[in-house]
Amino acid sequence: MAGLYDSQTGGPGSSARTLTAFLEECRAFMRVRRLSLNTEKSYLYYIHRFIRFHGRRPEMMGSAEVEAYLTHLALHGKVAPSTQNVAFNALLYLYREILGIELKNVQALRARRERRVPVVLSRREVELLLSHLESTPHLMASLLYGSGLRVMELLRLRAKDVDFDNGLLVIRQGKGDKDRHAVLPVSIEPLLRAHLAHARERWDAARQTEPFPASMPDALERKYPKAAFEWGWQWVFPPPRS
């Protein structure tokens, strides 16, 4: 990775191009190590901000520059403690994992952690919220609440991940890139069955004239080239097609 970002070489605008190349190398490194997309996005954002803040190659900096940037976030950025921690973790990952440089004794001013009472909707409030939703948005919100799904977990559900026989949802590549099971509430099952039946009808009709493959994880697209056209791999909540 060393030498990819060099603001001292090239003509006007060259540093921006080499910085972009460096960030793409970081992205590729994270993809190989299967970081979640949200973590990848956050880490790249703070690595980018850190380099732009100092205007120097990361290999030429160290603990002192990391401390200065984190202190800047706390004093001038007035970020939340959790945000500062994400930035710190991003820079630790940059130096330890990507550059192979160990940071020592980072003593930045920490963002102040305020104690807050968590906001939790009551059952009545949830019912009122759901009463204002209809059709697919209502089903999606019901699954988020009833099955305890994160938004990304909901959007990654495929038809084969719904186990009606056992009343379960298979959550793949959840937080920490781990698979798990979530309970499918009995009250939601009829709505989900109807949704999938309708989606299956539309999919059957569309594939006769315009087959549209689902995106496949990792190398499965090469290993099973026809799987993307099978019903089981289709998204439960597919994105709108342009």
C-alpha atoms as a PDB file:
ATOM      1  CA  MET A   1       0.000   0.000   0.000  1.00  0.00           C
ATOM      2  CA  ALA A   2       2.933   2.348   0.644  1.00  0.00           C
ATOM      3  CA  GLY A   3       3.467   5.076  -1.904  1.00  0.00           C
ATOM      4  CA  LEU A   4       0.016   4.961  -3.500  1.00  0.00           C
ATOM      5  CA  TYR A   5      -0.944   8.372  -2.136  1.00  0.00           C
ATOM      6  CA  ASP A   6       1.719  10.988  -2.745  1.00  0.00           C
ATOM      7  CA  SER A   7       0.550  14.593  -2.802  1.00  0.00           C
ATOM      8  CA  GLN A   8       4.060  15.738  -3.711  1.00  0.00           C
ATOM      9  CA  THR A   9       4.142  14.160  -7.158  1.00  0.00           C
ATOM     10  CA  GLY A  10       2.352  14.944 -10.381  1.00  0.00           C
ATOM     11  CA  GLY A  11       0.688  18.103 -11.640  1.00  0.00           C
ATOM     12  CA  PRO A  12      -2.480  19.888 -10.517  1.00  0.00           C
ATOM     13  CA  GLY A  13      -5.179  17.465  -9.457  1.00  0.00           C
ATOM     14  CA  SER A  14      -2.864  14.451  -9.390  1.00  0.00           C
ATOM     15  CA  SER A  15      -3.094  14.064  -5.590  1.00  0.00           C
ATOM     16  CA  ALA A  16      -6.878  13.711  -5.831  1.00  0.00           C
ATOM     17  CA  ARG A  17      -6.480  10.926  -8.379  1.00  0.00           C
ATOM     18  CA  THR A  18      -3.844   9.080  -6.355  1.00  0.00           C
ATOM     19  CA  LEU A  19      -5.907   9.482  -3.188  1.00  0.00           C
ATOM     20  CA  THR A  20      -8.830   7.908  -5.031  1.00  0.00           C
ATOM     21  CA  ALA A  21      -6.574   5.021  -6.064  1.00  0.00           C
ATOM     22  CA  PHE A  22      -5.437   4.569  -2.474  1.00  0.00           C
ATOM     23  CA  LEU A  23      -9.017   4.486  -1.203  1.00  0.00           C
ATOM     24  CA  GLU A  24      -9.936   1.910  -3.852  1.00  0.00           C
ATOM     25  CA  GLU A  25      -7.054  -0.254  -2.654  1.00  0.00           C
ATOM     26  CA  CYS A  26      -8.403   0.090   0.882  1.00  0.00           C
ATOM     27  CA  ARG A  27     -11.866  -0.872  -0.350  1.00  0.00           C
ATOM     28  CA  ALA A  28     -10.522  -3.975  -2.102  1.00  0.00           C
ATOM     29  CA  PHE A  29      -8.614  -4.946   1.071  1.00  0.00           C
ATOM     30  CA  MET A  30     -11.804  -4.685   3.157  1.00  0.00           C
ATOM     31  CA  ARG A  31     -13.862  -6.629   0.614  1.00  0.00           C
ATOM     32  CA  VAL A  32     -11.436  -9.563   0.701  1.00  0.00           C
ATOM     33  CA  ARG A  33     -11.703  -9.605   4.492  1.00  0.00           C
ATOM     34  CA  ARG A  34     -15.498  -9.480   4.307  1.00  0.00           C
ATOM     35  CA  LEU A  35     -16.174  -6.351   6.329  1.00  0.00           C
ATOM     36  CA  SER A  36     -19.819  -5.386   6.250  1.00  0.00           C
ATOM     37  CA  LEU A  37     -20.752  -2.772   3.647  1.00  0.00           C
ATOM     38  CA  ASN A  38     -21.731  -0.298   6.367  1.00  0.00           C
ATOM     39  CA  THR A  39     -18.376  -0.732   8.116  1.00  0.00           C
ATOM     40  CA  GLU A  40     -16.547  -0.417   4.804  1.00  0.00           C
ATOM     41  CA  LYS A  41     -18.374   2.790   3.975  1.00  0.00           C
ATOM     42  CA  SER A  42     -17.726   4.317   7.412  1.00  0.00           C
ATOM     43  CA  TYR A  43     -14.048   3.341   7.462  1.00  0.00           C
ATOM     44  CA  LEU A  44     -13.395   4.721   3.982  1.00  0.00           C
ATOM     45  CA  TYR A  45     -15.140   7.962   4.908  1.00  0.00           C
ATOM     46  CA  TYR A  46     -12.939   8.581   7.963  1.00  0.00           C
ATOM     47  CA  ILE A  47      -9.749   7.409   6.265  1.00  0.00           C
ATOM     48  CA  HIS A  48     -10.490   9.909   3.505  1.00  0.00           C
ATOM     49  CA  ARG A  49     -11.244  12.703   5.989  1.00  0.00           C
ATOM     50  CA  PHE A  50      -8.091  11.932   8.002  1.00  0.00           C
ATOM     51  CA  ILE A  51      -5.820  12.138   4.955  1.00  0.00           C
ATOM     52  CA  ARG A  52      -7.480  15.319   3.704  1.00  0.00           C
ATOM     53  CA  PHE A  53      -7.258  16.860   7.187  1.00  0.00           C
ATOM     54  CA  HIS A  54      -3.457  16.509   7.310  1.00  0.00           C
ATOM     55  CA  GLY A  55      -2.747  16.553   3.558  1.00  0.00           C
ATOM     56  CA  ARG A  56      -0.045  13.916   3.874  1.00  0.00           C
ATOM     57  CA  ARG A  57       0.465  10.283   3.009  1.00  0.00           C
ATOM     58  CA  PRO A  58      -0.751   8.032   5.859  1.00  0.00           C
ATOM     59  CA  GLU A  59       2.599   6.165   5.935  1.00  0.00           C
ATOM     60  CA  MET A  60       4.266   9.449   6.810  1.00  0.00           C
ATOM     61  CA  MET A  61       1.993   9.978   9.803  1.00  0.00           C
ATOM     62  CA  GLY A  62       1.361   8.120  13.037  1.00  0.00           C
ATOM     63  CA  SER A  63      -0.065   8.348  16.540  1.00  0.00           C
ATOM     64  CA  ALA A  64       0.410  12.115  16.847  1.00  0.00           C
ATOM     65  CA  GLU A  65      -1.594  12.813  13.691  1.00  0.00           C
ATOM     66  CA  VAL A  66      -4.303  10.354  14.710  1.00  0.00           C
ATOM     67  CA  GLU A  67      -4.548  12.071  18.110  1.00  0.00           C
ATOM     68  CA  ALA A  68      -4.786  15.486  16.455  1.00  0.00           C
ATOM     69  CA  TYR A  69      -7.567  14.378  14.119  1.00  0.00           C
ATOM     70  CA  LEU A  70      -9.608  12.678  16.839  1.00  0.00           C
ATOM     71  CA  THR A  71      -9.215  15.715  19.089  1.00  0.00           C
ATOM     72  CA  HIS A  72     -10.367  17.909  16.206  1.00  0.00           C
ATOM     73  CA  LEU A  73     -13.506  15.777  15.857  1.00  0.00           C
ATOM     74  CA  ALA A  74     -14.263  16.197  19.562  1.00  0.00           C
ATOM     75  CA  LEU A  75     -13.499  19.928  19.880  1.00  0.00           C
ATOM     76  CA  HIS A  76     -14.537  21.353  16.524  1.00  0.00           C
ATOM     77  CA  GLY A  77     -16.632  18.637  14.957  1.00  0.00           C
ATOM     78  CA  LYS A  78     -18.531  18.159  18.234  1.00  0.00           C
ATOM     79  CA  VAL A  79     -19.234  14.563  17.237  1.00  0.00           C
ATOM     80  CA  ALA A  80     -20.855  11.987  19.481  1.00  0.00           C
ATOM     81  CA  PRO A  81     -18.594   9.527  21.325  1.00  0.00           C
ATOM     82  CA  SER A  82     -19.810   6.691  19.117  1.00  0.00           C
ATOM     83  CA  THR A  83     -18.863   8.663  15.995  1.00  0.00           C
ATOM     84  CA  GLN A  84     -15.396   9.379  17.350  1.00  0.00           C
ATOM     85  CA  ASN A  85     -14.992   5.687  18.165  1.00  0.00           C
ATOM     86  CA  VAL A  86     -15.890   4.730  14.602  1.00  0.00           C
ATOM     87  CA  ALA A  87     -13.272   7.174  13.303  1.00  0.00           C
ATOM     88  CA  PHE A  88     -10.700   5.773  15.736  1.00  0.00           C
ATOM     89  CA  ASN A  89     -11.466   2.194  14.712  1.00  0.00           C
ATOM     90  CA  ALA A  90     -11.199   3.174  11.041  1.00  0.00           C
ATOM     91  CA  LEU A  91      -7.736   4.610  11.572  1.00  0.00           C
ATOM     92  CA  LEU A  92      -6.624   1.653  13.666  1.00  0.00           C
ATOM     93  CA  TYR A  93      -7.735  -0.620  10.853  1.00  0.00           C
ATOM     94  CA  LEU A  94      -5.911   1.516   8.299  1.00  0.00           C
ATOM     95  CA  TYR A  95      -2.624   1.375  10.154  1.00  0.00           C
ATOM     96  CA  ARG A  96      -2.687  -2.104  11.698  1.00  0.00           C
ATOM     97  CA  GLU A  97      -4.358  -4.112   8.964  1.00  0.00           C
ATOM     98  CA  ILE A  98      -3.771  -2.244   5.711  1.00  0.00           C
ATOM     99  CA  LEU A  99      -0.419  -0.529   6.291  1.00  0.00           C
ATOM    100  CA  GLY A 100       0.965  -2.956   8.867  1.00  0.00           C
ATOM    101  CA  ILE A 101       1.946  -0.126  11.224  1.00  0.00           C
ATOM    102  CA  GLU A 102       1.226  -0.362  14.954  1.00  0.00           C
ATOM    103  CA  LEU A 103      -0.094   2.811  16.554  1.00  0.00           C
ATOM    104  CA  LYS A 104       1.096   3.338  20.120  1.00  0.00           C
ATOM    105  CA  ASN A 105      -0.225   5.457  22.965  1.00  0.00           C
ATOM    106  CA  VAL A 106      -2.956   7.341  21.131  1.00  0.00           C
ATOM    107  CA  GLN A 107      -4.198   9.853  23.732  1.00  0.00           C
ATOM    108  CA  ALA A 108      -6.808  11.973  22.008  1.00  0.00           C
ATOM    109  CA  LEU A 109      -9.350  14.160  23.770  1.00  0.00           C
ATOM    110  CA  ARG A 110     -12.462  12.007  23.862  1.00  0.00           C
ATOM    111  CA  ALA A 111     -15.890  13.239  22.910  1.00  0.00           C
ATOM    112  CA  ARG A 112     -18.100  13.699  25.966  1.00  0.00           C
ATOM    113  CA  ARG A 113     -20.560  10.894  26.509  1.00  0.00           C
ATOM    114  CA  GLU A 114     -23.949  12.146  27.622  1.00  0.00           C
ATOM    115  CA  ARG A 115     -26.286   9.864  29.487  1.00  0.00           C
ATOM    116  CA  ARG A 116     -29.615   9.646  27.709  1.00  0.00           C
ATOM    117  CA  VAL A 117     -32.771   7.751  28.430  1.00  0.00           C
ATOM    118  CA  PRO A 118     -33.346   5.467  25.425  1.00  0.00           C
ATOM    119  CA  VAL A 119     -36.415   6.188  23.341  1.00  0.00           C
ATOM    120  CA  VAL A 120     -38.527   3.040  23.091  1.00  0.00           C
ATOM    121  CA  LEU A 121     -41.941   2.951  21.482  1.00  0.00           C
ATOM    122  CA  SER A 122     -44.712   1.442  23.548  1.00  0.00           C
ATOM    123  CA  ARG A 123     -46.822  -1.352  22.097  1.00  0.00           C
ATOM    124  CA  ARG A 124     -49.658   1.100  21.565  1.00  0.00           C
ATOM    125  CA  GLU A 125     -47.361   3.502  19.720  1.00  0.00           C
ATOM    126  CA  VAL A 126     -46.118   0.697  17.470  1.00  0.00           C
ATOM    127  CA  GLU A 127     -49.696  -0.317  16.680  1.00  0.00           C
ATOM    128  CA  LEU A 128     -50.550   3.313  15.876  1.00  0.00           C
ATOM    129  CA  LEU A 129     -47.508   3.616  13.618  1.00  0.00           C
ATOM    130  CA  LEU A 130     -48.346   0.402  11.740  1.00  0.00           C
ATOM    131  CA  SER A 131     -51.959   1.515  11.334  1.00  0.00           C
ATOM    132  CA  HIS A 132     -50.759   4.342   9.061  1.00  0.00           C
ATOM    133  CA  LEU A 133     -48.946   1.932   6.724  1.00  0.00           C
ATOM    134  CA  GLU A 134     -50.392  -0.267   4.032  1.00  0.00           C
ATOM    135  CA  SER A 135     -49.365  -3.118   1.731  1.00  0.00           C
ATOM    136  CA  THR A 136     -45.617  -3.805   1.414  1.00  0.00           C
ATOM    137  CA  PRO A 137     -44.433  -0.958   3.714  1.00  0.00           C
ATOM    138  CA  HIS A 138     -46.764  -2.307   6.416  1.00  0.00           C
ATOM    139  CA  LEU A 139     -45.346  -5.823   6.022  1.00  0.00           C
ATOM    140  CA  MET A 140     -41.764  -4.586   6.085  1.00  0.00           C
ATOM    141  CA  ALA A 141     -42.315  -2.504   9.212  1.00  0.00           C
ATOM    142  CA  SER A 142     -44.096  -5.425  10.877  1.00  0.00           C
ATOM    143  CA  LEU A 143     -41.123  -7.697  10.215  1.00  0.00           C
ATOM    144  CA  LEU A 144     -38.676  -5.108  11.518  1.00  0.00           C
ATOM    145  CA  TYR A 145     -40.619  -4.865  14.758  1.00  0.00           C
ATOM    146  CA  GLY A 146     -41.974  -8.403  15.130  1.00  0.00           C
ATOM    147  CA  SER A 147     -38.828 -10.306  14.105  1.00  0.00           C
ATOM    148  CA  GLY A 148     -36.290  -7.809  15.443  1.00  0.00           C
ATOM    149  CA  LEU A 149     -34.557  -7.328  12.093  1.00  0.00           C
ATOM    150  CA  ARG A 150     -32.157  -4.600  11.123  1.00  0.00           C
ATOM    151  CA  VAL A 151     -33.059  -2.729   7.945  1.00  0.00           C
ATOM    152  CA  MET A 152     -30.217  -4.297   5.943  1.00  0.00           C
ATOM    153  CA  GLU A 153     -31.154  -7.754   7.183  1.00  0.00           C
ATOM    154  CA  LEU A 154     -34.709  -7.201   5.989  1.00  0.00           C
ATOM    155  CA  LEU A 155     -33.582  -6.025   2.550  1.00  0.00           C
ATOM    156  CA  ARG A 156     -31.265  -9.029   2.154  1.00  0.00           C
ATOM    157  CA  LEU A 157     -33.982 -11.613   2.765  1.00  0.00           C
ATOM    158  CA  ARG A 158     -34.402 -14.086  -0.090  1.00  0.00           C
ATOM    159  CA  ALA A 159     -37.349 -16.369  -0.740  1.00  0.00           C
ATOM    160  CA  LYS A 160     -35.412 -19.439   0.430  1.00  0.00           C
ATOM    161  CA  ASP A 161     -34.651 -17.727   3.757  1.00  0.00           C
ATOM    162  CA  VAL A 162     -38.298 -17.864   4.825  1.00  0.00           C
ATOM    163  CA  ASP A 163     -39.035 -21.085   6.740  1.00  0.00           C
ATOM    164  CA  PHE A 164     -42.794 -21.194   7.238  1.00  0.00           C
ATOM    165  CA  ASP A 165     -42.731 -24.781   8.592  1.00  0.00           C
ATOM    166  CA  ASN A 166     -40.610 -23.793  11.579  1.00  0.00           C
ATOM    167  CA  GLY A 167     -41.736 -20.166  11.824  1.00  0.00           C
ATOM    168  CA  LEU A 168     -38.229 -18.815  11.246  1.00  0.00           C
ATOM    169  CA  LEU A 169     -36.316 -16.400   9.070  1.00  0.00           C
ATOM    170  CA  VAL A 170     -32.710 -17.176   8.148  1.00  0.00           C
ATOM    171  CA  ILE A 171     -30.646 -14.005   8.485  1.00  0.00           C
ATOM    172  CA  ARG A 172     -27.475 -14.214   6.433  1.00  0.00           C
ATOM    173  CA  GLN A 173     -24.441 -11.980   6.830  1.00  0.00           C
ATOM    174  CA  GLY A 174     -25.947 -10.029   9.692  1.00  0.00           C
ATOM    175  CA  LYS A 175     -23.957  -7.906  12.101  1.00  0.00           C
ATOM    176  CA  GLY A 176     -20.401  -9.181  12.320  1.00  0.00           C
ATOM    177  CA  ASP A 177     -20.969 -11.126   9.075  1.00  0.00           C
ATOM    178  CA  LYS A 178     -22.760 -13.826  11.088  1.00  0.00           C
ATOM    179  CA  ASP A 179     -25.791 -15.905  10.154  1.00  0.00           C
ATOM    180  CA  ARG A 180     -28.631 -16.346  12.626  1.00  0.00           C
ATOM    181  CA  HIS A 181     -32.311 -17.229  12.927  1.00  0.00           C
ATOM    182  CA  ALA A 182     -35.141 -14.829  13.728  1.00  0.00           C
ATOM    183  CA  VAL A 183     -38.636 -15.781  14.802  1.00  0.00           C
ATOM    184  CA  LEU A 184     -41.420 -15.219  12.280  1.00  0.00           C
ATOM    185  CA  PRO A 185     -44.460 -14.094  14.325  1.00  0.00           C
ATOM    186  CA  VAL A 186     -47.626 -16.078  13.640  1.00  0.00           C
ATOM    187  CA  SER A 187     -49.569 -12.842  13.084  1.00  0.00           C
ATOM    188  CA  ILE A 188     -47.270 -11.833  10.220  1.00  0.00           C
ATOM    189  CA  GLU A 189     -47.163 -15.228   8.483  1.00  0.00           C
ATOM    190  CA  PRO A 190     -50.383 -14.815   6.413  1.00  0.00           C
ATOM    191  CA  LEU A 191     -49.252 -11.397   5.173  1.00  0.00           C
ATOM    192  CA  LEU A 192     -45.840 -12.725   4.195  1.00  0.00           C
ATOM    193  CA  ARG A 193     -47.333 -15.780   2.472  1.00  0.00           C
ATOM    194  CA  ALA A 194     -49.617 -13.552   0.418  1.00  0.00           C
ATOM    195  CA  HIS A 195     -46.747 -11.199  -0.426  1.00  0.00           C
ATOM    196  CA  LEU A 196     -44.517 -14.050  -1.617  1.00  0.00           C
ATOM    197  CA  ALA A 197     -47.334 -15.674  -3.588  1.00  0.00           C
ATOM    198  CA  HIS A 198     -47.962 -12.405  -5.430  1.00  0.00           C
ATOM    199  CA  ALA A 199     -44.235 -11.876  -5.972  1.00  0.00           C
ATOM    200  CA  ARG A 200     -43.916 -15.424  -7.323  1.00  0.00           C
ATOM    201  CA  GLU A 201     -46.726 -14.805  -9.825  1.00  0.00           C
ATOM    202  CA  ARG A 202     -45.059 -11.630 -11.072  1.00  0.00           C
ATOM    203  CA  TRP A 203     -41.689 -13.349 -11.243  1.00  0.00           C
ATOM    204  CA  ASP A 204     -43.094 -16.330 -13.174  1.00  0.00           C
ATOM    205  CA  ALA A 205     -44.733 -13.988 -15.665  1.00  0.00           C
ATOM    206  CA  ALA A 206     -41.655 -11.798 -16.092  1.00  0.00           C
ATOM    207  CA  ARG A 207     -39.161 -14.601 -16.601  1.00  0.00           C
ATOM    208  CA  GLN A 208     -41.059 -15.860 -19.649  1.00  0.00           C
ATOM    209  CA  THR A 209     -40.225 -12.705 -21.575  1.00  0.00           C
ATOM    210  CA  GLU A 210     -37.542 -10.873 -19.593  1.00  0.00           C
ATOM    211  CA  PRO A 211     -35.623 -13.058 -17.142  1.00  0.00           C
ATOM    212  CA  PHE A 212     -33.938 -10.919 -14.515  1.00  0.00           C
ATOM    213  CA  PRO A 213     -31.235 -12.572 -12.358  1.00  0.00           C
ATOM    214  CA  ALA A 214     -30.869 -11.836  -8.676  1.00  0.00           C
ATOM    215  CA  SER A 215     -27.457 -10.686  -7.496  1.00  0.00           C
ATOM    216  CA  MET A 216     -25.486 -13.536  -5.963  1.00  0.00           C
ATOM    217  CA  PRO A 217     -23.123 -13.441  -2.978  1.00  0.00           C
ATOM    218  CA  ASP A 218     -19.384 -13.947  -3.315  1.00  0.00           C
ATOM    219  CA  ALA A 219     -18.368 -16.455  -6.010  1.00  0.00           C
ATOM    220  CA  LEU A 220     -21.677 -18.328  -6.182  1.00  0.00           C
ATOM    221  CA  GLU A 221     -22.568 -16.624  -9.452  1.00  0.00           C
ATOM    222  CA  ARG A 222     -19.621 -18.362 -11.125  1.00  0.00           C
ATOM    223  CA  LYS A 223     -20.107 -21.642  -9.294  1.00  0.00           C
ATOM    224  CA  TYR A 224     -23.863 -21.856  -9.906  1.00  0.00           C
ATOM    225  CA  PRO A 225     -24.567 -19.624 -12.940  1.00  0.00           C
ATOM    226  CA  LYS A 226     -28.236 -20.670 -13.158  1.00  0.00           C
ATOM    227  CA  ALA A 227     -29.043 -20.147  -9.479  1.00  0.00           C
ATOM    228  CA  ALA A 228     -29.630 -16.422  -9.962  1.00  0.00           C
ATOM    229  CA  PHE A 229     -32.654 -17.302 -12.121  1.00  0.00           C
ATOM    230  CA  GLU A 230     -34.196 -19.636  -9.529  1.00  0.00           C
ATOM    231  CA  TRP A 231     -37.057 -18.523  -7.309  1.00  0.00           C
ATOM    232  CA  GLY A 232     -35.337 -19.342  -4.030  1.00  0.00           C
ATOM    233  CA  TRP A 233     -32.618 -16.750  -4.650  1.00  0.00           C
ATOM    234  CA  GLN A 234     -35.019 -13.909  -5.449  1.00  0.00           C
ATOM    235  CA  TRP A 235     -35.327 -11.041  -2.986  1.00  0.00           C
ATOM    236  CA  VAL A 236     -38.379 -11.032  -0.712  1.00  0.00           C
ATOM    237  CA  PHE A 237     -38.451  -7.239  -1.148  1.00  0.00           C
ATOM    238  CA  PRO A 238     -36.798  -6.590  -4.514  1.00  0.00           C
ATOM    239  CA  PRO A 239     -35.661  -3.084  -5.426  1.00  0.00           C
ATOM    240  CA  PRO A 240     -37.650  -1.291  -8.129  1.00  0.00           C
ATOM    241  CA  ARG A 241     -36.379  -2.021 -11.611  1.00  0.00           C
ATOM    242  CA  SER A 242     -35.421   0.915 -13.781  1.00  0.00           C
END
